[in-house]
């Protein structure tokens, strides 16, 4: 199967976890879009759900396809959130944010009783870090924040550059009005330590590591669709 077909297969498997009447967090990105397409078909057949989108892009697609939406402030406790990922490690820790929606994605996922990530098997990695880590920052004091970020991960034995994400010649701006630094430093041996170090920097709004948040990972491969659970603590 093609990568697009694998994404659809994972999305279809995730749809079996959606029940009538659910309040549903809906992710951002190409795999999440595949899920939205399938969800819209079920809504058209009579499935009653209300979604909380993780980005303006997701909101537009849901409204175009007829998926009912509400705001997180109106539904602060969600039954389920379904989203994609850029990387999934053996403990079901994730790297997310390639699409730039990491802050809202993390807020919505944290509000859900259950968080399911859907992906094709290329997203499985032995350790996070192959995909550049998105770090959402306040535009004020950007250079100071960037240097503090590089100092923080250097203290943990990581090296590499935190590069400003640019689109159409301009700094990429998130839905929240922030900007993103993409940090490339390879294997992250201790995601929790790096998370703590980044959160201690005042200019950092959020980072793209989702640690200990995933309930299930539904991963589509050429042979089958697997459902992975995080190892017991």
Protein backbone atom coordinates (compact mmCIF):
# COMPACT_ATOMS: atom_id res chain seq x y z
CA UNK A 1 0.00 0.00 0.00
CA UNK A 2 1.02 3.59 -0.55
CA UNK A 3 1.70 5.87 2.42
CA UNK A 4 -1.65 7.58 1.86
CA UNK A 5 -3.40 4.21 1.90
CA UNK A 6 -1.64 3.31 5.14
CA UNK A 7 -2.81 6.56 6.73
CA UNK A 8 -6.38 5.79 5.69
CA UNK A 9 -6.10 2.27 7.13
CA UNK A 10 -4.89 3.63 10.49
CA UNK A 11 -7.63 6.27 10.49
CA UNK A 12 -10.30 3.68 9.73
CA UNK A 13 -9.13 1.53 12.64
CA UNK A 14 -9.23 4.54 14.97
CA UNK A 15 -12.79 5.30 13.92
CA UNK A 16 -13.92 2.08 15.61
CA UNK A 17 -13.08 3.75 18.95
CA UNK A 18 -15.49 6.64 18.31
CA UNK A 19 -18.88 6.14 19.95
CA UNK A 20 -22.17 7.95 19.48
CA UNK A 21 -22.42 11.09 21.61
CA UNK A 22 -18.69 11.56 22.12
CA UNK A 23 -16.92 14.86 22.55
CA UNK A 24 -13.91 14.38 20.31
CA UNK A 25 -10.55 16.14 19.99
CA UNK A 26 -9.56 16.21 16.32
CA UNK A 27 -5.93 16.52 15.31
CA UNK A 28 -4.01 18.29 12.58
CA UNK A 29 -2.01 17.00 9.62
CA UNK A 30 -2.35 14.60 6.70
CA UNK A 31 -3.17 11.52 8.80
CA UNK A 32 -5.69 13.46 10.89
CA UNK A 33 -7.22 14.70 7.63
CA UNK A 34 -7.77 11.10 6.56
CA UNK A 35 -9.57 10.49 9.85
CA UNK A 36 -11.73 13.60 9.37
CA UNK A 37 -12.80 12.40 5.93
CA UNK A 38 -13.92 9.03 7.35
CA UNK A 39 -15.52 10.65 10.39
CA UNK A 40 -17.55 12.95 8.13
CA UNK A 41 -18.92 9.92 6.28
CA UNK A 42 -20.09 8.41 9.57
CA UNK A 43 -21.62 11.73 10.64
CA UNK A 44 -23.49 11.78 7.35
CA UNK A 45 -24.86 8.34 8.21
CA UNK A 46 -26.15 9.56 11.57
CA UNK A 47 -23.23 9.33 14.04
CA UNK A 48 -23.64 12.07 16.65
CA UNK A 49 -20.36 13.61 17.79
CA UNK A 50 -19.04 17.08 18.46
CA UNK A 51 -15.42 17.89 17.70
CA UNK A 52 -12.84 20.25 19.14
CA UNK A 53 -10.30 21.08 16.41
CA UNK A 54 -6.60 21.51 17.18
CA UNK A 55 -6.00 24.09 14.44
CA UNK A 56 -7.76 26.55 12.19
CA UNK A 57 -6.89 24.24 9.28
CA UNK A 58 -8.67 21.32 10.93
CA UNK A 59 -11.66 23.51 11.79
CA UNK A 60 -12.04 24.55 8.15
CA UNK A 61 -11.94 20.97 6.89
CA UNK A 62 -14.43 19.77 9.51
CA UNK A 63 -16.88 22.55 8.71
CA UNK A 64 -16.50 21.93 4.98
CA UNK A 65 -17.31 18.24 5.45
CA UNK A 66 -20.12 18.72 7.96
CA UNK A 67 -18.46 17.59 11.21
CA UNK A 68 -20.07 19.55 14.09
CA UNK A 69 -17.59 21.59 16.15
CA UNK A 70 -17.43 23.37 19.47
CA UNK A 71 -14.76 25.25 21.42
CA UNK A 72 -12.68 23.61 24.15
CA UNK A 73 -14.01 26.20 26.61
CA UNK A 74 -17.49 24.88 25.87
CA UNK A 75 -16.39 21.24 26.20
CA UNK A 76 -13.37 21.28 28.54
CA UNK A 77 -13.51 17.53 29.20
CA UNK A 78 -13.28 15.36 26.10
CA UNK A 79 -13.95 11.65 25.75
CA UNK A 80 -11.31 10.98 23.12
CA UNK A 81 -8.67 12.74 21.06
CA UNK A 82 -7.32 11.30 17.80
CA UNK A 83 -4.25 12.79 16.11
CA UNK A 84 -1.20 11.88 14.05
CA UNK A 85 2.49 12.04 14.96
CA UNK A 86 5.85 12.71 13.37
CA UNK A 87 7.63 10.10 15.55
CA UNK A 88 6.55 7.35 17.94
CA UNK A 89 9.09 5.70 20.25
CA UNK A 90 8.71 2.27 21.95
CA UNK A 91 7.19 3.92 25.05
CA UNK A 92 4.63 5.72 22.83
CA UNK A 93 6.28 9.06 23.47
CA UNK A 94 5.74 11.27 20.44
CA UNK A 95 7.28 14.07 18.44
CA UNK A 96 4.57 16.30 17.01
CA UNK A 97 4.37 19.76 15.52
CA UNK A 98 5.55 19.32 11.96
CA UNK A 99 2.36 21.10 10.94
CA UNK A 100 2.86 23.83 13.52
CA UNK A 101 -0.15 23.06 15.75
CA UNK A 102 1.72 21.48 18.66
CA UNK A 103 0.48 23.80 21.43
CA UNK A 104 -3.21 23.37 20.66
CA UNK A 105 -2.68 19.67 19.95
CA UNK A 106 -1.15 19.18 23.39
CA UNK A 107 -3.86 21.20 25.16
CA UNK A 108 -6.63 19.23 23.46
CA UNK A 109 -4.96 15.85 23.99
CA UNK A 110 -4.48 16.62 27.69
CA UNK A 111 -8.18 17.46 28.01
CA UNK A 112 -9.19 14.03 26.69
CA UNK A 113 -9.82 10.94 28.78
CA UNK A 114 -8.10 8.89 26.05
CA UNK A 115 -5.55 9.92 23.42
CA UNK A 116 -5.08 7.73 20.34
CA UNK A 117 -2.32 8.45 17.86
CA UNK A 118 -2.63 7.16 14.28
CA UNK A 119 0.28 6.74 11.88
CA UNK A 120 1.90 4.63 9.21
CA UNK A 121 4.79 2.41 10.29
CA UNK A 122 7.45 4.83 9.01
CA UNK A 123 6.75 6.95 12.12
CA UNK A 124 8.02 4.23 14.48
CA UNK A 125 11.54 5.05 15.74
CA UNK A 126 13.83 3.48 18.36
CA UNK A 127 14.20 6.89 20.04
CA UNK A 128 12.88 10.38 19.45
CA UNK A 129 15.12 12.87 17.68
CA UNK A 130 15.40 11.87 14.03
CA UNK A 131 12.63 14.35 13.22
CA UNK A 132 13.59 17.92 14.21
CA UNK A 133 11.94 18.87 17.51
CA UNK A 134 9.53 21.81 17.08
CA UNK A 135 9.78 24.34 19.91
CA UNK A 136 7.11 27.04 20.01
CA UNK A 137 8.46 30.34 21.34
CA UNK A 138 7.36 33.90 21.95
CA UNK A 139 8.63 36.25 19.22
CA UNK A 140 9.93 38.71 21.84
CA UNK A 141 13.57 38.07 22.66
CA UNK A 142 13.89 35.38 20.00
CA UNK A 143 17.68 35.33 19.83
CA UNK A 144 18.05 35.18 23.60
CA UNK A 145 15.52 32.34 23.75
CA UNK A 146 17.22 30.46 20.92
CA UNK A 147 20.60 30.65 22.66
CA UNK A 148 19.09 29.55 25.97
CA UNK A 149 17.50 26.58 24.21
CA UNK A 150 20.82 25.56 22.65
CA UNK A 151 22.57 25.96 26.03
CA UNK A 152 19.88 23.84 27.71
CA UNK A 153 20.23 20.89 25.39
CA UNK A 154 24.03 21.23 25.27
CA UNK A 155 24.02 20.73 29.05
CA UNK A 156 22.30 17.39 28.40
CA UNK A 157 24.97 16.31 25.92
CA UNK A 158 22.97 17.19 22.79
CA UNK A 159 24.29 19.34 19.99
CA UNK A 160 22.76 20.96 16.95
CA UNK A 161 21.14 24.14 15.73
CA UNK A 162 17.70 25.47 16.59
CA UNK A 163 16.54 26.95 13.30
CA UNK A 164 13.73 29.41 12.77
CA UNK A 165 10.90 27.85 10.76
CA UNK A 166 10.25 29.97 7.67
CA UNK A 167 7.38 29.82 5.18
CA UNK A 168 7.21 31.93 2.02
CA UNK A 169 10.23 33.90 3.16
CA UNK A 170 8.66 34.87 6.50
CA UNK A 171 8.81 33.35 9.99
CA UNK A 172 6.09 30.73 10.30
CA UNK A 173 3.41 31.95 12.71
CA UNK A 174 1.26 29.53 14.69
CA UNK A 175 -2.47 29.93 15.27
CA UNK A 176 -1.56 31.38 18.66
CA UNK A 177 0.70 34.06 17.18
CA UNK A 178 3.97 32.39 18.20
CA UNK A 179 6.91 31.21 16.10
CA UNK A 180 8.70 27.87 15.92
CA UNK A 181 12.32 26.84 16.25
CA UNK A 182 13.14 23.38 14.85
CA UNK A 183 15.96 21.77 16.82
CA UNK A 184 17.94 18.97 15.18
CA UNK A 185 20.22 17.01 17.47
CA UNK A 186 19.54 13.34 16.79
CA UNK A 187 18.86 10.70 19.46
CA UNK A 188 17.15 12.06 22.59
CA UNK A 189 18.20 9.69 25.36
CA UNK A 190 16.14 11.36 28.11
CA UNK A 191 13.01 13.09 26.75
CA UNK A 192 11.78 13.99 30.27
CA UNK A 193 15.03 15.78 31.17
CA UNK A 194 14.95 17.72 27.89
CA UNK A 195 11.29 18.61 28.43
CA UNK A 196 12.02 19.95 31.92
CA UNK A 197 14.99 21.98 30.66
CA UNK A 198 12.97 23.56 27.84
CA UNK A 199 10.01 24.39 30.07
CA UNK A 200 12.37 26.23 32.43
CA UNK A 201 13.18 28.80 29.70
CA UNK A 202 10.80 31.81 29.94
CA UNK A 203 10.51 32.37 26.17
CA UNK A 204 9.51 28.77 25.43
CA UNK A 205 5.73 28.37 25.10
CA UNK A 206 5.71 24.60 24.44
CA UNK A 207 7.68 21.84 22.71
CA UNK A 208 6.64 18.98 20.47
CA UNK A 209 7.47 16.03 22.72
CA UNK A 210 4.32 14.33 24.00
CA UNK A 211 5.59 12.29 26.94
CA UNK A 212 3.43 9.72 28.70
CA UNK A 213 0.23 11.02 27.09
CA UNK A 214 -0.60 8.34 24.52
CA UNK A 215 -3.22 5.71 25.40
CA UNK A 216 -2.90 3.73 22.16
CA UNK A 217 -0.97 3.97 18.90
CA UNK A 218 -2.70 2.57 15.82
CA UNK A 219 0.01 1.90 13.26
CA UNK A 220 -0.64 0.72 9.71
CA UNK A 221 1.98 -1.35 7.89
CA UNK A 222 2.09 -3.26 4.65
CA UNK A 223 1.02 -6.48 6.38
CA UNK A 224 -1.43 -5.32 9.03
CA UNK A 225 -2.72 -2.56 11.30
CA UNK A 226 -1.28 -2.88 14.79
CA UNK A 227 -2.61 -1.46 18.05
CA UNK A 228 0.24 -0.62 20.43
CA UNK A 229 -0.08 0.10 24.14
CA UNK A 230 2.48 1.95 26.24
CA UNK A 231 4.54 -0.32 28.54
CA UNK A 232 3.27 -0.49 32.10
CA UNK A 233 5.19 1.74 34.51
